[in-house]
Amino acid sequence: MPAAGEGQIDCHILAGRIHQTVSSAYPLKIISPTATRCTLEDGTRTPLVPAVSYILSYGGGIVHGDQIRVRVRVATQCALLLLTQGSTKVYRTRGVPKSCLPNLSPTLDANQTYQTMEITVDDGALLCLLPDPVTCFKGAKYNQRQWVKMHKRGSLVLLDWMTSGRMSRGERWAFDKYMSVNCVSVVDVDADKGRLAVRDALLLESPECGPRLESLDAFAYLLILGPHVAHVADTFRSEHKQHRIRPFERTHTSVQWSVSEVAEFGVLGVAVRASSSSTEDLKLWIQSKLSGVCSVVGDSAWSMYCNT
């Protein structure tokens, strides 16, 4: 039985069919609806066998002292989409003594919230981590770390994004702390430890960030790595090149974005940073730009992401 707040997903092929071994403990909940392998327009089947899991929390959010930890493994020939149902809400800190939280690690602060993902992507596999945005309430303190260990011929789509807060309640950039770290290491088939290929960190603390970000309401960081999503990365490259050639051309959305190349230890792809004054504009922009993933995972799995 997993400890409080811990979960595990193991996605693998068994006897020609995809299987997910899933476990979780309160306040974490993981559900895995069935996704089917589809036939594409050219008559061929999707190159990978798709699976979908939703990572949820009871009450629709996490509170100070929560320590969420999810371990994920995606085996060869599998394509796993990790989704959420609605934004991850981080409630405000209320100053609870550490003695009231016996399950909290002694090195962590009882007045902060922690969420960690530890992911392994095998050769020939694809992981798409596509959650809804994190929304921190006024006074919240949130720490997130996502560690990915990827084999050289594995593929990854990782989305990490946030909003300014509860805008309907007049809360914009009113949280106390938001910290997010994303690391990707590349390993050989027989190696236990990887070589760090990507490390991205974002730290926002109130009240310093509020005045500087007044015109924006959503930020996103997107990683697209590996052979199965190379065509998606190429789309970002070509569109960004055109955008640089015509920098003053107006678009139909409020999204501003940039692209950086990733080419480390045999892994190729792009890192994309985007911001917008509209969360909905940014969401639709991300879904549009990632539409090429559908040809890898199929309509059955991809429609679950587009309908969240």
C-alpha atoms as a PDB file:
ATOM      1  CA  MET A   1       0.000   0.000   0.000  1.00  0.00           C
ATOM      2  CA  PRO A   2       1.495   3.385  -0.993  1.00  0.00           C
ATOM      3  CA  ALA A   3       2.102   6.059   1.621  1.00  0.00           C
ATOM      4  CA  ALA A   4      -0.196   9.078   1.890  1.00  0.00           C
ATOM      5  CA  GLY A   5      -0.059  11.200  -1.254  1.00  0.00           C
ATOM      6  CA  GLU A   6       1.972   8.674  -3.242  1.00  0.00           C
ATOM      7  CA  GLY A   7       1.016   7.058  -6.532  1.00  0.00           C
ATOM      8  CA  GLN A   8       2.505   4.826  -9.186  1.00  0.00           C
ATOM      9  CA  ILE A   9       1.728   4.112 -12.847  1.00  0.00           C
ATOM     10  CA  ASP A  10       3.442   1.347 -14.821  1.00  0.00           C
ATOM     11  CA  CYS A  11       2.419   1.226 -18.480  1.00  0.00           C
ATOM     12  CA  HIS A  12       3.572  -1.824 -20.474  1.00  0.00           C
ATOM     13  CA  ILE A  13       2.653  -4.299 -23.192  1.00  0.00           C
ATOM     14  CA  LEU A  14       1.598  -7.767 -22.049  1.00  0.00           C
ATOM     15  CA  ALA A  15       0.543 -10.513 -24.485  1.00  0.00           C
ATOM     16  CA  GLY A  16       0.110  -7.937 -27.240  1.00  0.00           C
ATOM     17  CA  ARG A  17      -2.166  -5.663 -25.192  1.00  0.00           C
ATOM     18  CA  ILE A  18      -1.454  -2.563 -23.166  1.00  0.00           C
ATOM     19  CA  HIS A  19      -1.760  -2.734 -19.396  1.00  0.00           C
ATOM     20  CA  GLN A  20      -1.486  -0.147 -16.642  1.00  0.00           C
ATOM     21  CA  THR A  21      -0.591  -1.051 -13.077  1.00  0.00           C
ATOM     22  CA  VAL A  22      -1.878   1.823 -10.953  1.00  0.00           C
ATOM     23  CA  SER A  23      -1.845   2.555  -7.222  1.00  0.00           C
ATOM     24  CA  SER A  24      -2.498   5.704  -5.193  1.00  0.00           C
ATOM     25  CA  ALA A  25      -3.316   6.892  -1.684  1.00  0.00           C
ATOM     26  CA  TYR A  26      -5.305   9.836  -0.310  1.00  0.00           C
ATOM     27  CA  PRO A  27      -5.259  12.754  -1.120  1.00  0.00           C
ATOM     28  CA  LEU A  28      -4.117  11.480  -4.536  1.00  0.00           C
ATOM     29  CA  LYS A  29      -6.344   9.548  -6.928  1.00  0.00           C
ATOM     30  CA  ILE A  30      -5.474   8.042 -10.327  1.00  0.00           C
ATOM     31  CA  ILE A  31      -8.036   6.752 -12.816  1.00  0.00           C
ATOM     32  CA  SER A  32      -7.289   5.097 -16.167  1.00  0.00           C
ATOM     33  CA  PRO A  33     -10.043   5.099 -18.814  1.00  0.00           C
ATOM     34  CA  THR A  34      -9.723   2.838 -21.832  1.00  0.00           C
ATOM     35  CA  ALA A  35      -8.149   4.231 -25.004  1.00  0.00           C
ATOM     36  CA  THR A  36      -8.139   2.254 -28.246  1.00  0.00           C
ATOM     37  CA  ARG A  37      -5.553   2.029 -30.988  1.00  0.00           C
ATOM     38  CA  CYS A  38      -6.874   3.770 -34.094  1.00  0.00           C
ATOM     39  CA  THR A  39      -6.491   3.476 -37.845  1.00  0.00           C
ATOM     40  CA  LEU A  40      -5.145   6.618 -39.504  1.00  0.00           C
ATOM     41  CA  GLU A  41      -6.408   8.191 -42.739  1.00  0.00           C
ATOM     42  CA  ASP A  42      -3.771   6.389 -44.808  1.00  0.00           C
ATOM     43  CA  GLY A  43      -5.022   3.018 -43.559  1.00  0.00           C
ATOM     44  CA  THR A  44      -2.132   2.350 -41.178  1.00  0.00           C
ATOM     45  CA  ARG A  45      -2.445   1.979 -37.431  1.00  0.00           C
ATOM     46  CA  THR A  46      -0.937   4.368 -34.916  1.00  0.00           C
ATOM     47  CA  PRO A  47       2.737   3.494 -34.335  1.00  0.00           C
ATOM     48  CA  LEU A  48       2.273   3.154 -30.566  1.00  0.00           C
ATOM     49  CA  VAL A  49      -0.399   1.618 -28.352  1.00  0.00           C
ATOM     50  CA  PRO A  50      -2.128   4.424 -26.392  1.00  0.00           C
ATOM     51  CA  ALA A  51      -3.099   4.631 -22.722  1.00  0.00           C
ATOM     52  CA  VAL A  52      -4.547   7.462 -20.627  1.00  0.00           C
ATOM     53  CA  SER A  53      -4.388   8.213 -16.901  1.00  0.00           C
ATOM     54  CA  TYR A  54      -5.911  11.120 -14.964  1.00  0.00           C
ATOM     55  CA  ILE A  55      -4.101  12.400 -11.876  1.00  0.00           C
ATOM     56  CA  LEU A  56      -6.655  13.831  -9.469  1.00  0.00           C
ATOM     57  CA  SER A  57      -6.909  15.067  -5.904  1.00  0.00           C
ATOM     58  CA  TYR A  58      -9.827  14.811  -3.522  1.00  0.00           C
ATOM     59  CA  GLY A  59     -11.501  18.187  -3.107  1.00  0.00           C
ATOM     60  CA  GLY A  60     -10.090  19.428  -6.413  1.00  0.00           C
ATOM     61  CA  GLY A  61      -6.886  20.855  -4.970  1.00  0.00           C
ATOM     62  CA  ILE A  62      -3.974  20.497  -2.583  1.00  0.00           C
ATOM     63  CA  VAL A  63      -3.323  22.224   0.743  1.00  0.00           C
ATOM     64  CA  HIS A  64      -0.266  23.206   2.749  1.00  0.00           C
ATOM     65  CA  GLY A  65       1.528  20.153   4.096  1.00  0.00           C
ATOM     66  CA  ASP A  66       0.439  17.932   1.197  1.00  0.00           C
ATOM     67  CA  GLN A  67       3.344  15.985  -0.260  1.00  0.00           C
ATOM     68  CA  ILE A  68       2.273  14.462  -3.590  1.00  0.00           C
ATOM     69  CA  ARG A  69       4.694  12.071  -5.277  1.00  0.00           C
ATOM     70  CA  VAL A  70       3.903  10.112  -8.460  1.00  0.00           C
ATOM     71  CA  ARG A  71       6.240   7.597 -10.095  1.00  0.00           C
ATOM     72  CA  VAL A  72       5.603   6.723 -13.738  1.00  0.00           C
ATOM     73  CA  ARG A  73       7.193   4.218 -16.120  1.00  0.00           C
ATOM     74  CA  VAL A  74       6.305   3.943 -19.812  1.00  0.00           C
ATOM     75  CA  ALA A  75       7.605   0.823 -21.553  1.00  0.00           C
ATOM     76  CA  THR A  76       8.509   0.238 -25.214  1.00  0.00           C
ATOM     77  CA  GLN A  77       5.669   0.572 -27.779  1.00  0.00           C
ATOM     78  CA  CYS A  78       3.448   2.433 -25.285  1.00  0.00           C
ATOM     79  CA  ALA A  79       2.152   6.009 -25.520  1.00  0.00           C
ATOM     80  CA  LEU A  80       0.861   7.290 -22.185  1.00  0.00           C
ATOM     81  CA  LEU A  81      -1.107  10.520 -21.796  1.00  0.00           C
ATOM     82  CA  LEU A  82      -1.124  11.920 -18.253  1.00  0.00           C
ATOM     83  CA  LEU A  83      -3.999  14.359 -17.801  1.00  0.00           C
ATOM     84  CA  THR A  84      -5.947  16.192 -15.095  1.00  0.00           C
ATOM     85  CA  GLN A  85      -9.617  17.153 -14.825  1.00  0.00           C
ATOM     86  CA  GLY A  86      -9.503  20.888 -14.328  1.00  0.00           C
ATOM     87  CA  SER A  87      -6.772  23.111 -12.971  1.00  0.00           C
ATOM     88  CA  THR A  88      -4.710  22.057  -9.957  1.00  0.00           C
ATOM     89  CA  LYS A  89      -5.804  24.425  -7.198  1.00  0.00           C
ATOM     90  CA  VAL A  90      -3.308  25.262  -4.464  1.00  0.00           C
ATOM     91  CA  TYR A  91      -5.098  26.591  -1.377  1.00  0.00           C
ATOM     92  CA  ARG A  92      -3.691  29.283   0.880  1.00  0.00           C
ATOM     93  CA  THR A  93      -1.391  28.575   3.797  1.00  0.00           C
ATOM     94  CA  ARG A  94      -3.065  28.544   7.222  1.00  0.00           C
ATOM     95  CA  GLY A  95      -0.050  28.092   9.515  1.00  0.00           C
ATOM     96  CA  VAL A  96      -0.564  24.507  10.709  1.00  0.00           C
ATOM     97  CA  PRO A  97       2.130  23.183  13.108  1.00  0.00           C
ATOM     98  CA  LYS A  98       4.375  20.469  11.704  1.00  0.00           C
ATOM     99  CA  SER A  99       3.336  18.165  14.557  1.00  0.00           C
ATOM    100  CA  CYS A 100      -0.124  17.969  12.966  1.00  0.00           C
ATOM    101  CA  LEU A 101       1.351  16.475   9.774  1.00  0.00           C
ATOM    102  CA  PRO A 102       3.078  13.207  10.800  1.00  0.00           C
ATOM    103  CA  ASN A 103       3.496  12.009   7.205  1.00  0.00           C
ATOM    104  CA  LEU A 104       5.412  15.097   6.076  1.00  0.00           C
ATOM    105  CA  SER A 105       9.138  14.638   5.463  1.00  0.00           C
ATOM    106  CA  PRO A 106      11.170  16.252   8.273  1.00  0.00           C
ATOM    107  CA  THR A 107      13.120  18.319   5.728  1.00  0.00           C
ATOM    108  CA  LEU A 108       9.988  20.020   4.313  1.00  0.00           C
ATOM    109  CA  ASP A 109       8.052  23.061   5.475  1.00  0.00           C
ATOM    110  CA  ALA A 110       4.575  22.297   6.846  1.00  0.00           C
ATOM    111  CA  ASN A 111       3.278  25.606   5.454  1.00  0.00           C
ATOM    112  CA  GLN A 112       4.115  24.784   1.855  1.00  0.00           C
ATOM    113  CA  THR A 113       2.749  22.354  -0.729  1.00  0.00           C
ATOM    114  CA  TYR A 114       4.910  19.856  -2.627  1.00  0.00           C
ATOM    115  CA  GLN A 115       4.290  17.871  -5.791  1.00  0.00           C
ATOM    116  CA  THR A 116       6.893  15.630  -7.441  1.00  0.00           C
ATOM    117  CA  MET A 117       6.768  13.530 -10.616  1.00  0.00           C
ATOM    118  CA  GLU A 118       9.435  10.891 -11.258  1.00  0.00           C
ATOM    119  CA  ILE A 119       9.128   9.541 -14.798  1.00  0.00           C
ATOM    120  CA  THR A 120      10.993   6.889 -16.801  1.00  0.00           C
ATOM    121  CA  VAL A 121      10.494   6.669 -20.585  1.00  0.00           C
ATOM    122  CA  ASP A 122      11.923   3.556 -22.250  1.00  0.00           C
ATOM    123  CA  ASP A 123      13.261   3.302 -25.800  1.00  0.00           C
ATOM    124  CA  GLY A 124      10.453   3.450 -28.364  1.00  0.00           C
ATOM    125  CA  ALA A 125       7.949   4.842 -25.841  1.00  0.00           C
ATOM    126  CA  LEU A 126       6.162   8.196 -25.591  1.00  0.00           C
ATOM    127  CA  LEU A 127       4.982  10.104 -22.534  1.00  0.00           C
ATOM    128  CA  CYS A 128       2.686  13.125 -22.890  1.00  0.00           C
ATOM    129  CA  LEU A 129       2.332  15.008 -19.618  1.00  0.00           C
ATOM    130  CA  LEU A 130      -0.495  17.439 -20.416  1.00  0.00           C
ATOM    131  CA  PRO A 131      -2.123  18.739 -17.226  1.00  0.00           C
ATOM    132  CA  ASP A 132      -4.439  21.693 -16.839  1.00  0.00           C
ATOM    133  CA  PRO A 133      -2.712  24.749 -15.365  1.00  0.00           C
ATOM    134  CA  VAL A 134      -1.761  25.210 -11.729  1.00  0.00           C
ATOM    135  CA  THR A 135      -3.792  27.950 -10.016  1.00  0.00           C
ATOM    136  CA  CYS A 136      -2.388  29.242  -6.729  1.00  0.00           C
ATOM    137  CA  PHE A 137      -4.800  30.987  -4.374  1.00  0.00           C
ATOM    138  CA  LYS A 138      -3.872  34.082  -2.392  1.00  0.00           C
ATOM    139  CA  GLY A 139      -1.217  33.233   0.209  1.00  0.00           C
ATOM    140  CA  ALA A 140      -0.378  29.804  -1.295  1.00  0.00           C
ATOM    141  CA  LYS A 141       3.145  28.364  -1.355  1.00  0.00           C
ATOM    142  CA  TYR A 142       3.694  25.741  -4.041  1.00  0.00           C
ATOM    143  CA  ASN A 143       6.744  23.656  -4.984  1.00  0.00           C
ATOM    144  CA  GLN A 144       6.756  21.366  -8.037  1.00  0.00           C
ATOM    145  CA  ARG A 145       9.503  19.130  -9.407  1.00  0.00           C
ATOM    146  CA  GLN A 146       9.273  16.926 -12.477  1.00  0.00           C
ATOM    147  CA  TRP A 147      12.181  14.557 -13.075  1.00  0.00           C
ATOM    148  CA  VAL A 148      12.266  12.608 -16.341  1.00  0.00           C
ATOM    149  CA  LYS A 149      14.732   9.815 -17.083  1.00  0.00           C
ATOM    150  CA  MET A 150      14.531   9.173 -20.812  1.00  0.00           C
ATOM    151  CA  HIS A 151      16.271   6.606 -22.976  1.00  0.00           C
ATOM    152  CA  LYS A 152      17.832   7.895 -26.190  1.00  0.00           C
ATOM    153  CA  ARG A 153      15.057   6.634 -28.460  1.00  0.00           C
ATOM    154  CA  GLY A 154      12.263   7.592 -26.095  1.00  0.00           C
ATOM    155  CA  SER A 155       9.967  10.559 -26.714  1.00  0.00           C
ATOM    156  CA  LEU A 156       8.475  13.195 -24.445  1.00  0.00           C
ATOM    157  CA  VAL A 157       5.875  15.963 -24.528  1.00  0.00           C
ATOM    158  CA  LEU A 158       5.927  17.829 -21.210  1.00  0.00           C
ATOM    159  CA  LEU A 159       3.654  20.777 -20.462  1.00  0.00           C
ATOM    160  CA  ASP A 160       4.145  22.859 -17.326  1.00  0.00           C
ATOM    161  CA  TRP A 161       1.899  25.890 -17.027  1.00  0.00           C
ATOM    162  CA  MET A 162       0.216  28.179 -14.531  1.00  0.00           C
ATOM    163  CA  THR A 163      -2.305  31.000 -14.193  1.00  0.00           C
ATOM    164  CA  SER A 164      -2.114  34.232 -12.215  1.00  0.00           C
ATOM    165  CA  GLY A 165      -4.639  32.965  -9.647  1.00  0.00           C
ATOM    166  CA  ARG A 166      -8.373  33.237  -8.971  1.00  0.00           C
ATOM    167  CA  MET A 167      -9.060  36.070 -11.356  1.00  0.00           C
ATOM    168  CA  SER A 168     -12.823  35.878 -10.752  1.00  0.00           C
ATOM    169  CA  ARG A 169     -12.129  36.763  -7.094  1.00  0.00           C
ATOM    170  CA  GLY A 170      -9.749  39.575  -7.955  1.00  0.00           C
ATOM    171  CA  GLU A 171      -6.678  37.513  -7.040  1.00  0.00           C
ATOM    172  CA  ARG A 172      -3.897  38.073  -9.562  1.00  0.00           C
ATOM    173  CA  TRP A 173      -0.322  37.123  -8.674  1.00  0.00           C
ATOM    174  CA  ALA A 174      -1.367  37.154  -4.996  1.00  0.00           C
ATOM    175  CA  PHE A 175       0.240  33.822  -4.002  1.00  0.00           C
ATOM    176  CA  ASP A 176       3.328  33.849  -1.778  1.00  0.00           C
ATOM    177  CA  LYS A 177       5.450  31.379  -3.741  1.00  0.00           C
ATOM    178  CA  TYR A 178       5.410  29.348  -6.952  1.00  0.00           C
ATOM    179  CA  MET A 179       8.420  27.197  -7.768  1.00  0.00           C
ATOM    180  CA  SER A 180       8.667  24.694 -10.608  1.00  0.00           C
ATOM    181  CA  VAL A 181      11.696  22.672 -11.719  1.00  0.00           C
ATOM    182  CA  ASN A 182      11.786  20.400 -14.788  1.00  0.00           C
ATOM    183  CA  CYS A 183      14.770  18.110 -15.400  1.00  0.00           C
ATOM    184  CA  VAL A 184      15.339  15.586 -18.203  1.00  0.00           C
ATOM    185  CA  SER A 185      18.252  13.159 -18.099  1.00  0.00           C
ATOM    186  CA  VAL A 186      19.270  10.818 -20.913  1.00  0.00           C
ATOM    187  CA  VAL A 187      20.366   7.257 -20.171  1.00  0.00           C
ATOM    188  CA  ASP A 188      21.743   4.351 -22.177  1.00  0.00           C
ATOM    189  CA  VAL A 189      19.901   1.035 -22.161  1.00  0.00           C
ATOM    190  CA  ASP A 190      22.043  -0.557 -19.448  1.00  0.00           C
ATOM    191  CA  ALA A 191      22.770   2.582 -17.431  1.00  0.00           C
ATOM    192  CA  ASP A 192      21.146   3.452 -14.116  1.00  0.00           C
ATOM    193  CA  LYS A 193      22.133   7.097 -14.025  1.00  0.00           C
ATOM    194  CA  GLY A 194      21.541   9.617 -16.760  1.00  0.00           C
ATOM    195  CA  ARG A 195      23.272  12.699 -18.083  1.00  0.00           C
ATOM    196  CA  LEU A 196      21.369  15.922 -17.550  1.00  0.00           C
ATOM    197  CA  ALA A 197      20.076  17.226 -20.886  1.00  0.00           C
ATOM    198  CA  VAL A 198      17.485  19.808 -19.809  1.00  0.00           C
ATOM    199  CA  ARG A 199      16.975  21.762 -16.610  1.00  0.00           C
ATOM    200  CA  ASP A 200      14.436  24.563 -16.381  1.00  0.00           C
ATOM    201  CA  ALA A 201      13.451  26.370 -13.190  1.00  0.00           C
ATOM    202  CA  LEU A 202      10.900  29.084 -12.456  1.00  0.00           C
ATOM    203  CA  LEU A 203      10.531  30.872  -9.124  1.00  0.00           C
ATOM    204  CA  LEU A 204       7.900  33.548  -8.535  1.00  0.00           C
ATOM    205  CA  GLU A 205       7.435  35.173  -5.149  1.00  0.00           C
ATOM    206  CA  SER A 206       4.932  37.822  -4.118  1.00  0.00           C
ATOM    207  CA  PRO A 207       4.819  40.782  -3.927  1.00  0.00           C
ATOM    208  CA  GLU A 208       7.750  41.274  -6.312  1.00  0.00           C
ATOM    209  CA  CYS A 209       6.220  39.450  -9.286  1.00  0.00           C
ATOM    210  CA  GLY A 210       2.774  41.089  -9.298  1.00  0.00           C
ATOM    211  CA  PRO A 211       3.536  44.544 -10.747  1.00  0.00           C
ATOM    212  CA  ARG A 212       5.891  43.094 -13.363  1.00  0.00           C
ATOM    213  CA  LEU A 213       3.344  40.564 -14.634  1.00  0.00           C
ATOM    214  CA  GLU A 214       0.272  42.792 -14.500  1.00  0.00           C
ATOM    215  CA  SER A 215      -0.518  42.409 -18.221  1.00  0.00           C
ATOM    216  CA  LEU A 216      -0.291  38.586 -18.261  1.00  0.00           C
ATOM    217  CA  ASP A 217      -2.452  35.841 -16.795  1.00  0.00           C
ATOM    218  CA  ALA A 218      -0.846  32.574 -17.949  1.00  0.00           C
ATOM    219  CA  PHE A 219       2.626  31.147 -18.538  1.00  0.00           C
ATOM    220  CA  ALA A 220       3.549  27.840 -20.175  1.00  0.00           C
ATOM    221  CA  TYR A 221       6.724  25.815 -20.637  1.00  0.00           C
ATOM    222  CA  LEU A 222       6.606  23.033 -23.222  1.00  0.00           C
ATOM    223  CA  LEU A 223       9.205  20.372 -24.030  1.00  0.00           C
ATOM    224  CA  ILE A 224       8.970  18.271 -27.189  1.00  0.00           C
ATOM    225  CA  LEU A 225      11.726  15.658 -27.461  1.00  0.00           C
ATOM    226  CA  GLY A 226      12.392  12.431 -29.349  1.00  0.00           C
ATOM    227  CA  PRO A 227      11.681  10.723 -32.673  1.00  0.00           C
ATOM    228  CA  HIS A 228       7.939  10.064 -32.264  1.00  0.00           C
ATOM    229  CA  VAL A 229       7.186  13.789 -31.958  1.00  0.00           C
ATOM    230  CA  ALA A 230       9.923  15.145 -34.236  1.00  0.00           C
ATOM    231  CA  HIS A 231       7.259  16.344 -36.705  1.00  0.00           C
ATOM    232  CA  VAL A 232       5.616  18.395 -33.926  1.00  0.00           C
ATOM    233  CA  ALA A 233       8.963  19.980 -33.048  1.00  0.00           C
ATOM    234  CA  ASP A 234       9.517  20.759 -36.739  1.00  0.00           C
ATOM    235  CA  THR A 235       6.170  22.569 -36.857  1.00  0.00           C
ATOM    236  CA  PHE A 236       7.234  24.817 -33.985  1.00  0.00           C
ATOM    237  CA  ARG A 237      10.568  25.507 -35.699  1.00  0.00           C
ATOM    238  CA  SER A 238       9.046  26.448 -39.049  1.00  0.00           C
ATOM    239  CA  GLU A 239       6.288  28.624 -37.573  1.00  0.00           C
ATOM    240  CA  HIS A 240       8.727  30.384 -35.272  1.00  0.00           C
ATOM    241  CA  LYS A 241      11.037  31.069 -38.210  1.00  0.00           C
ATOM    242  CA  GLN A 242       8.162  32.675 -40.102  1.00  0.00           C
ATOM    243  CA  HIS A 243       7.253  34.663 -36.997  1.00  0.00           C
ATOM    244  CA  ARG A 244      10.810  36.010 -36.795  1.00  0.00           C
ATOM    245  CA  ILE A 245      10.747  36.969 -40.474  1.00  0.00           C
ATOM    246  CA  ARG A 246       7.471  38.868 -39.990  1.00  0.00           C
ATOM    247  CA  PRO A 247       7.640  39.941 -36.324  1.00  0.00           C
ATOM    248  CA  PHE A 248       4.969  42.616 -36.565  1.00  0.00           C
ATOM    249  CA  GLU A 249       2.331  40.415 -38.160  1.00  0.00           C
ATOM    250  CA  ARG A 250      -0.744  40.295 -35.904  1.00  0.00           C
ATOM    251  CA  THR A 251      -2.149  36.956 -34.812  1.00  0.00           C
ATOM    252  CA  HIS A 252      -5.695  36.094 -33.766  1.00  0.00           C
ATOM    253  CA  THR A 253      -4.682  35.346 -30.159  1.00  0.00           C
ATOM    254  CA  SER A 254      -2.874  37.133 -27.347  1.00  0.00           C
ATOM    255  CA  VAL A 255      -0.156  34.465 -27.162  1.00  0.00           C
ATOM    256  CA  GLN A 256       3.517  35.451 -27.251  1.00  0.00           C
ATOM    257  CA  TRP A 257       6.019  32.633 -27.634  1.00  0.00           C
ATOM    258  CA  SER A 258       9.615  31.645 -28.317  1.00  0.00           C
ATOM    259  CA  VAL A 259      11.473  28.448 -29.255  1.00  0.00           C
ATOM    260  CA  SER A 260      14.848  27.106 -28.097  1.00  0.00           C
ATOM    261  CA  GLU A 261      16.657  24.136 -29.589  1.00  0.00           C
ATOM    262  CA  VAL A 262      17.441  21.041 -27.504  1.00  0.00           C
ATOM    263  CA  ALA A 263      20.254  18.810 -28.805  1.00  0.00           C
ATOM    264  CA  GLU A 264      21.967  16.944 -25.976  1.00  0.00           C
ATOM    265  CA  PHE A 265      23.372  13.394 -25.832  1.00  0.00           C
ATOM    266  CA  GLY A 266      21.510  12.250 -28.930  1.00  0.00           C
ATOM    267  CA  VAL A 267      18.119  13.665 -27.932  1.00  0.00           C
ATOM    268  CA  LEU A 268      16.679  16.281 -30.301  1.00  0.00           C
ATOM    269  CA  GLY A 269      13.715  18.586 -29.861  1.00  0.00           C
ATOM    270  CA  VAL A 270      12.564  22.034 -28.801  1.00  0.00           C
ATOM    271  CA  ALA A 271      11.704  23.933 -25.638  1.00  0.00           C
ATOM    272  CA  VAL A 272       8.861  26.424 -26.017  1.00  0.00           C
ATOM    273  CA  ARG A 273       7.926  29.256 -23.679  1.00  0.00           C
ATOM    274  CA  ALA A 274       4.597  31.028 -24.081  1.00  0.00           C
ATOM    275  CA  SER A 275       2.558  33.629 -22.235  1.00  0.00           C
ATOM    276  CA  SER A 276      -0.833  35.223 -22.679  1.00  0.00           C
ATOM    277  CA  SER A 277      -3.272  37.666 -21.136  1.00  0.00           C
ATOM    278  CA  SER A 278      -5.950  34.976 -21.611  1.00  0.00           C
ATOM    279  CA  THR A 279      -5.765  31.456 -20.156  1.00  0.00           C
ATOM    280  CA  GLU A 280      -8.300  30.204 -22.692  1.00  0.00           C
ATOM    281  CA  ASP A 281      -6.298  31.649 -25.613  1.00  0.00           C
ATOM    282  CA  LEU A 282      -3.178  29.897 -24.358  1.00  0.00           C
ATOM    283  CA  LYS A 283      -5.006  26.604 -23.876  1.00  0.00           C
ATOM    284  CA  LEU A 284      -6.402  26.644 -27.420  1.00  0.00           C
ATOM    285  CA  TRP A 285      -3.006  27.656 -28.804  1.00  0.00           C
ATOM    286  CA  ILE A 286      -1.278  24.730 -27.062  1.00  0.00           C
ATOM    287  CA  GLN A 287      -3.886  22.238 -28.264  1.00  0.00           C
ATOM    288  CA  SER A 288      -3.590  23.551 -31.821  1.00  0.00           C
ATOM    289  CA  LYS A 289       0.200  23.394 -31.875  1.00  0.00           C
ATOM    290  CA  LEU A 290       0.264  19.862 -30.412  1.00  0.00           C
ATOM    291  CA  SER A 291      -2.386  18.486 -32.792  1.00  0.00           C
ATOM    292  CA  GLY A 292       0.298  16.481 -34.627  1.00  0.00           C
ATOM    293  CA  VAL A 293       0.571  14.188 -31.592  1.00  0.00           C
ATOM    294  CA  CYS A 294      -2.809  12.746 -32.617  1.00  0.00           C
ATOM    295  CA  SER A 295      -1.140  10.842 -35.486  1.00  0.00           C
ATOM    296  CA  VAL A 296       0.975   8.995 -32.901  1.00  0.00           C
ATOM    297  CA  VAL A 297      -1.571   8.254 -30.165  1.00  0.00           C
ATOM    298  CA  GLY A 298      -4.818   8.181 -32.175  1.00  0.00           C
ATOM    299  CA  ASP A 299      -8.165   9.976 -31.895  1.00  0.00           C
ATOM    300  CA  SER A 300      -9.393   7.906 -28.954  1.00  0.00           C
ATOM    301  CA  ALA A 301      -6.671   9.082 -26.571  1.00  0.00           C
ATOM    302  CA  TRP A 302      -6.179  12.556 -28.059  1.00  0.00           C
ATOM    303  CA  SER A 303      -9.870  13.457 -27.784  1.00  0.00           C
ATOM    304  CA  MET A 304      -9.682  12.905 -24.012  1.00  0.00           C
ATOM    305  CA  TYR A 305      -7.029  15.629 -23.821  1.00  0.00           C
ATOM    306  CA  CYS A 306      -8.887  18.052 -26.086  1.00  0.00           C
ATOM    307  CA  ASN A 307     -12.122  17.608 -24.123  1.00  0.00           C
ATOM    308  CA  THR A 308     -10.624  18.294 -20.665  1.00  0.00           C
END
